[in-house]
Amino acid sequence: MSAPTSAKPERRRSWRSLLIPAVLAFAVLVGLGTWQIQRKAWKEQLIATLTERLQAPSVPLPAAATWPTLDQASNEYRRVTFEAEFETAKEALVFATASAFRPDVKGQGFWIFAPARLPDGSVVVVNRGFAPAAEAMTLPDRANPGIVAITGAIRWPEASHWFTPKPNPAENMWFVRDPVSIAAAKGWGAIAPFYVEQESPVPPGGWPQPGKLVPSLTDNHLQYAVTWFGLALVLAVVFIVWAVKSGRETRRKRPGNAPSSSL
C-alpha cells in the first residue's frame, strides 16, 4: 500500500504583507475626507458670496468698453439695471428643468433668451425667464415692447458636457445656456461675453416668467467627510486587531513554542 500523502500546511498571509495596501487605502480615505472638508469651506464661501451679491442693490450695467476685461469671479451674480430694447423676433428657446437658483420654476419648459440692444448699439443677451412649452412656442408672435428698464443678475455662459444633447438650430432649440454659441448660430452679431438673468419687469401676460435668483445650494460635504473619516477609522481598527491576532498565532506556531509531549 502506498503511504498517504501528507496535506500541505495552510499558509496564512502575514499582516506585514498587507501593511502597505492598508496604509495606502487609509491615506486615500483620509484624503477624501480632507477634500470634503475643503469643499465644505468652498461651498460656504460661495453661498455667502452669492447671498451678498444677490441681495445687494442693483448697479448700472458695466460699459461696453469694459466687457472684454470683466472678471467672472468678481462680477458674476451682480445685480445690474439698464435700458434696452428686446429683439423678440430673434429669441432662442433653451430647454429648462428645475433650477437651484429658481425655486419658483416648476416642471419642464424653456428659458427664453433674447438679444437686447442698448442705446449705444451694443447687445447684451438676456434670459427673459421661464415659459412652459405651450407658451414658449407662441412667444415670437408678441409685439416688441420697445425700450424697457431691465434689472437682473450677470451670469457667464454654461459649458456643455458629454451627455448634453446637441442643439437643434433648425427648430430653434438649445440645451445649454450659452448665448455666445447661440448668437453665432443665429447671427446675432457681437454680444457681451456674459448674459443677464432678468428679474424684472414682468411682461404682459406673465410669460416668460422672470424671477430673482435665490442661492439655494445644498451643502452635504460634512456628512461626506464624516463618512470617509469613519471608513478610515474602521479600516485602521480592523487591521490593527487582525495584525495583533495574526502575530500571536504566528508566535504560537513557531517550532520553539510548540508544547512538549509527555511520555
Protein backbone atom coordinates (compact mmCIF):
# COMPACT_ATOMS: atom_id res chain seq x y z
CA MET A 1 0.00 0.00 0.00
CA SER A 2 1.20 3.45 -0.75
CA ALA A 3 1.69 5.83 2.12
CA PRO A 4 -0.92 8.54 2.37
CA THR A 5 0.22 11.88 1.10
CA SER A 6 0.63 14.48 3.78
CA ALA A 7 -1.54 17.58 3.47
CA LYS A 8 0.28 20.80 2.72
CA PRO A 9 0.42 23.13 5.69
CA GLU A 10 -2.00 26.05 5.45
CA ARG A 11 -0.20 29.23 4.57
CA ARG A 12 -1.61 32.38 6.09
CA ARG A 13 -0.70 35.80 4.82
CA SER A 14 1.33 37.81 7.29
CA TRP A 15 -0.08 41.16 8.37
CA ARG A 16 3.19 42.68 7.19
CA SER A 17 2.41 41.71 3.60
CA LEU A 18 -0.81 43.77 3.74
CA LEU A 19 0.59 46.71 5.65
CA ILE A 20 1.41 48.82 2.57
CA PRO A 21 -2.02 48.29 0.86
CA ALA A 22 -3.74 49.09 4.16
CA VAL A 23 -1.71 52.27 4.64
CA LEU A 24 -2.47 53.35 1.07
CA ALA A 25 -6.20 52.70 1.49
CA PHE A 26 -6.15 54.60 4.80
CA ALA A 27 -4.38 57.55 3.16
CA VAL A 28 -6.94 57.62 0.33
CA LEU A 29 -9.87 57.62 2.75
CA VAL A 30 -8.33 60.37 4.87
CA GLY A 31 -7.55 62.33 1.70
CA LEU A 32 -11.19 62.07 0.56
CA GLY A 33 -12.41 63.24 3.95
CA THR A 34 -9.99 66.17 3.92
CA TRP A 35 -11.10 67.09 0.40
CA GLN A 36 -14.74 67.17 1.54
CA ILE A 37 -13.80 69.50 4.42
CA GLN A 38 -12.14 71.79 1.88
CA ARG A 39 -15.19 71.57 -0.37
CA LYS A 40 -17.39 72.47 2.59
CA ALA A 41 -15.38 75.65 3.22
CA TRP A 42 -15.54 76.49 -0.50
CA LYS A 43 -19.31 75.89 -0.65
CA GLU A 44 -19.95 78.04 2.43
CA GLN A 45 -17.89 80.88 0.95
CA LEU A 46 -19.75 80.52 -2.36
CA ILE A 47 -23.14 80.65 -0.67
CA ALA A 48 -22.08 83.70 1.35
CA THR A 49 -20.83 85.47 -1.79
CA LEU A 50 -23.98 84.65 -3.76
CA THR A 51 -26.23 85.78 -0.93
CA GLU A 52 -24.36 89.07 -0.60
CA ARG A 53 -24.41 89.83 -4.33
CA LEU A 54 -27.98 88.75 -4.98
CA GLN A 55 -29.31 90.78 -2.06
CA ALA A 56 -27.31 93.91 -2.84
CA PRO A 57 -28.94 96.85 -4.65
CA SER A 58 -28.56 96.79 -8.41
CA VAL A 59 -25.86 98.88 -10.08
CA PRO A 60 -25.58 100.23 -13.63
CA LEU A 61 -24.55 97.69 -16.26
CA PRO A 62 -20.79 97.96 -16.97
CA ALA A 63 -19.97 99.99 -20.07
CA ALA A 64 -19.47 98.00 -23.26
CA ALA A 65 -15.83 99.13 -23.47
CA THR A 66 -15.09 97.22 -20.25
CA TRP A 67 -16.77 93.95 -21.23
CA PRO A 68 -13.67 92.18 -22.60
CA THR A 69 -11.78 92.76 -19.33
CA LEU A 70 -14.54 91.86 -16.87
CA ASP A 71 -13.50 89.19 -14.37
CA GLN A 72 -16.05 86.43 -13.92
CA ALA A 73 -15.15 85.72 -10.29
CA SER A 74 -15.66 89.36 -9.33
CA ASN A 75 -18.76 90.11 -11.39
CA GLU A 76 -20.90 87.01 -11.74
CA TYR A 77 -24.27 87.25 -9.95
CA ARG A 78 -24.01 91.01 -9.50
CA ARG A 79 -27.38 92.70 -9.96
CA VAL A 80 -27.49 95.34 -12.68
CA THR A 81 -30.03 97.72 -14.18
CA PHE A 82 -30.05 99.05 -17.73
CA GLU A 83 -32.34 100.17 -20.53
CA ALA A 84 -32.53 98.18 -23.73
CA GLU A 85 -34.88 97.07 -26.49
CA PHE A 86 -35.54 93.36 -26.93
CA GLU A 87 -35.33 91.87 -30.39
CA THR A 88 -38.15 89.44 -29.69
CA ALA A 89 -38.22 88.04 -33.22
CA LYS A 90 -34.74 86.60 -32.62
CA GLU A 91 -35.49 84.82 -29.35
CA ALA A 92 -33.98 81.38 -28.69
CA LEU A 93 -35.51 78.57 -26.66
CA VAL A 94 -33.20 76.88 -24.15
CA PHE A 95 -34.55 73.69 -22.59
CA ALA A 96 -35.17 74.18 -18.87
CA THR A 97 -35.85 71.95 -15.88
CA ALA A 98 -35.78 72.60 -12.13
CA SER A 99 -33.13 75.16 -11.21
CA ALA A 100 -31.15 75.51 -7.97
CA PHE A 101 -31.41 79.29 -8.40
CA ARG A 102 -35.07 79.49 -9.45
CA PRO A 103 -37.18 77.54 -6.92
CA ASP A 104 -40.29 79.16 -8.41
CA VAL A 105 -39.79 77.25 -11.68
CA LYS A 106 -41.83 74.05 -11.78
CA GLY A 107 -41.93 71.41 -14.49
CA GLN A 108 -40.26 71.42 -17.87
CA GLY A 109 -40.23 74.23 -20.37
CA PHE A 110 -37.81 76.72 -21.87
CA TRP A 111 -35.67 79.67 -20.88
CA ILE A 112 -36.33 82.48 -23.34
CA PHE A 113 -33.05 84.08 -24.46
CA ALA A 114 -33.23 87.30 -26.45
CA PRO A 115 -30.70 89.88 -27.63
CA ALA A 116 -31.29 93.27 -26.01
CA ARG A 117 -29.90 96.31 -27.80
CA LEU A 118 -28.60 99.12 -25.61
CA PRO A 119 -28.87 102.81 -26.58
CA ASP A 120 -25.20 102.81 -27.71
CA GLY A 121 -25.91 99.95 -30.13
CA SER A 122 -24.15 97.22 -28.13
CA VAL A 123 -26.01 93.98 -27.42
CA VAL A 124 -26.50 92.05 -24.19
CA VAL A 125 -28.27 88.70 -24.23
CA VAL A 126 -30.98 88.42 -21.59
CA ASN A 127 -32.59 85.30 -20.20
CA ARG A 128 -36.07 86.76 -20.04
CA GLY A 129 -37.35 83.92 -17.87
CA PHE A 130 -39.16 80.60 -17.94
CA ALA A 131 -42.10 79.56 -20.08
CA PRO A 132 -43.89 76.20 -20.36
CA ALA A 133 -43.54 74.54 -23.76
CA ALA A 134 -47.01 75.54 -24.96
CA GLU A 135 -46.45 79.19 -24.07
CA ALA A 136 -42.88 79.28 -25.40
CA MET A 137 -43.96 78.30 -28.90
CA THR A 138 -46.25 81.32 -29.20
CA LEU A 139 -43.93 83.95 -27.72
CA PRO A 140 -42.37 85.08 -31.02
CA ASP A 141 -45.82 86.33 -32.08
CA ARG A 142 -45.81 89.05 -29.39
CA ALA A 143 -45.36 92.71 -30.19
CA ASN A 144 -42.00 94.25 -29.37
CA PRO A 145 -42.35 96.06 -26.00
CA GLY A 146 -39.91 98.82 -27.03
CA ILE A 147 -37.24 100.19 -24.70
CA VAL A 148 -37.65 98.85 -21.16
CA ALA A 149 -35.71 99.17 -17.90
CA ILE A 150 -34.30 95.74 -17.10
CA THR A 151 -33.00 94.51 -13.77
CA GLY A 152 -31.23 91.20 -13.40
CA ALA A 153 -28.10 89.31 -12.41
CA ILE A 154 -24.98 88.87 -14.55
CA ARG A 155 -24.17 85.27 -15.47
CA TRP A 156 -21.46 83.68 -17.60
CA PRO A 157 -22.22 81.02 -20.25
CA GLU A 158 -22.59 77.38 -19.25
CA ALA A 159 -20.39 74.64 -20.66
CA SER A 160 -21.81 71.57 -22.38
CA HIS A 161 -20.98 68.08 -21.12
CA TRP A 162 -20.70 64.57 -22.54
CA PHE A 163 -24.41 63.86 -22.15
CA THR A 164 -25.70 67.28 -23.23
CA PRO A 165 -27.92 66.90 -26.32
CA LYS A 166 -26.75 68.70 -29.41
CA PRO A 167 -28.58 71.93 -30.25
CA ASN A 168 -31.18 71.99 -33.00
CA PRO A 169 -30.92 75.42 -34.65
CA ALA A 170 -33.50 74.45 -37.28
CA GLU A 171 -36.09 74.07 -34.51
CA ASN A 172 -34.64 77.00 -32.51
CA MET A 173 -33.97 74.62 -29.62
CA TRP A 174 -30.89 74.65 -27.38
CA PHE A 175 -29.85 72.74 -24.28
CA VAL A 176 -27.10 74.88 -22.72
CA ARG A 177 -27.34 78.47 -21.53
CA ASP A 178 -24.52 79.59 -23.78
CA PRO A 179 -25.57 82.80 -25.54
CA VAL A 180 -22.20 83.11 -27.28
CA SER A 181 -22.82 79.87 -29.19
CA ILE A 182 -26.47 80.75 -29.77
CA ALA A 183 -25.53 84.19 -31.10
CA ALA A 184 -23.02 82.67 -33.52
CA ALA A 185 -25.61 80.18 -34.83
CA LYS A 186 -28.45 82.71 -35.11
CA GLY A 187 -26.38 85.58 -36.48
CA TRP A 188 -26.91 88.00 -33.59
CA GLY A 189 -23.54 89.61 -34.20
CA ALA A 190 -21.18 90.79 -31.47
CA ILE A 191 -22.59 90.42 -27.96
CA ALA A 192 -21.41 90.77 -24.35
CA PRO A 193 -19.38 87.80 -23.01
CA PHE A 194 -22.00 87.39 -20.27
CA TYR A 195 -25.77 87.33 -20.15
CA VAL A 196 -28.32 88.72 -17.70
CA GLU A 197 -30.90 86.69 -15.76
CA GLN A 198 -33.90 89.02 -15.82
CA GLU A 199 -35.85 89.53 -12.60
CA SER A 200 -37.96 92.49 -13.73
CA PRO A 201 -40.07 93.77 -15.35
CA VAL A 202 -42.72 91.07 -15.71
CA PRO A 203 -44.06 91.18 -19.28
CA PRO A 204 -47.79 91.49 -20.04
CA GLY A 205 -49.41 88.09 -19.67
CA GLY A 206 -46.69 86.86 -17.32
CA TRP A 207 -44.70 84.88 -19.89
CA PRO A 208 -41.83 84.46 -19.98
CA GLN A 209 -41.67 84.42 -16.19
CA PRO A 210 -38.66 86.35 -14.87
CA GLY A 211 -37.58 85.92 -11.27
CA LYS A 212 -34.94 86.84 -8.75
CA LEU A 213 -32.18 84.29 -8.30
CA VAL A 214 -32.05 82.53 -4.91
CA PRO A 215 -28.82 80.76 -3.82
CA SER A 216 -30.44 77.51 -2.64
CA LEU A 217 -27.35 75.30 -2.94
CA THR A 218 -27.08 72.05 -0.98
CA ASP A 219 -24.17 71.57 1.41
CA ASN A 220 -23.72 67.90 2.35
CA HIS A 221 -19.93 67.95 2.47
CA LEU A 222 -19.72 67.50 6.25
CA GLN A 223 -21.72 64.27 6.00
CA TYR A 224 -19.46 63.01 3.24
CA ALA A 225 -16.35 63.92 5.27
CA VAL A 226 -17.63 62.05 8.33
CA THR A 227 -18.31 59.02 6.13
CA TRP A 228 -14.78 58.94 4.67
CA PHE A 229 -13.10 59.56 8.04
CA GLY A 230 -15.32 56.89 9.60
CA LEU A 231 -14.31 54.35 6.97
CA ALA A 232 -10.65 55.22 7.58
CA LEU A 233 -11.12 54.64 11.33
CA VAL A 234 -12.86 51.31 10.76
CA LEU A 235 -10.09 50.19 8.41
CA ALA A 236 -7.40 51.12 10.95
CA VAL A 237 -9.15 49.33 13.84
CA VAL A 238 -9.87 46.17 11.83
CA PHE A 239 -6.31 45.99 10.52
CA ILE A 240 -4.74 46.52 13.95
CA VAL A 241 -6.94 43.86 15.55
CA TRP A 242 -6.17 41.43 12.73
CA ALA A 243 -2.42 42.19 12.87
CA VAL A 244 -2.27 41.56 16.64
CA LYS A 245 -4.19 38.30 16.31
CA SER A 246 -2.08 37.18 13.34
CA GLY A 247 1.13 37.95 15.22
CA ARG A 248 0.05 35.89 18.23
CA GLU A 249 -0.84 32.90 16.06
CA THR A 250 2.49 33.12 14.25
CA ARG A 251 4.45 33.13 17.52
CA ARG A 252 2.45 30.23 18.90
CA LYS A 253 3.13 28.08 15.84
CA ARG A 254 6.90 28.56 15.86
CA PRO A 255 8.81 25.30 16.49
CA GLY A 256 10.42 26.60 19.67
CA ASN A 257 7.00 27.46 21.09
CA ALA A 258 5.42 24.04 20.41
CA PRO A 259 4.16 22.28 23.55
CA SER A 260 6.30 19.32 24.68
CA SER A 261 4.72 15.86 24.68
CA SER A 262 4.80 13.78 27.89
CA LEU A 263 5.97 10.12 27.86
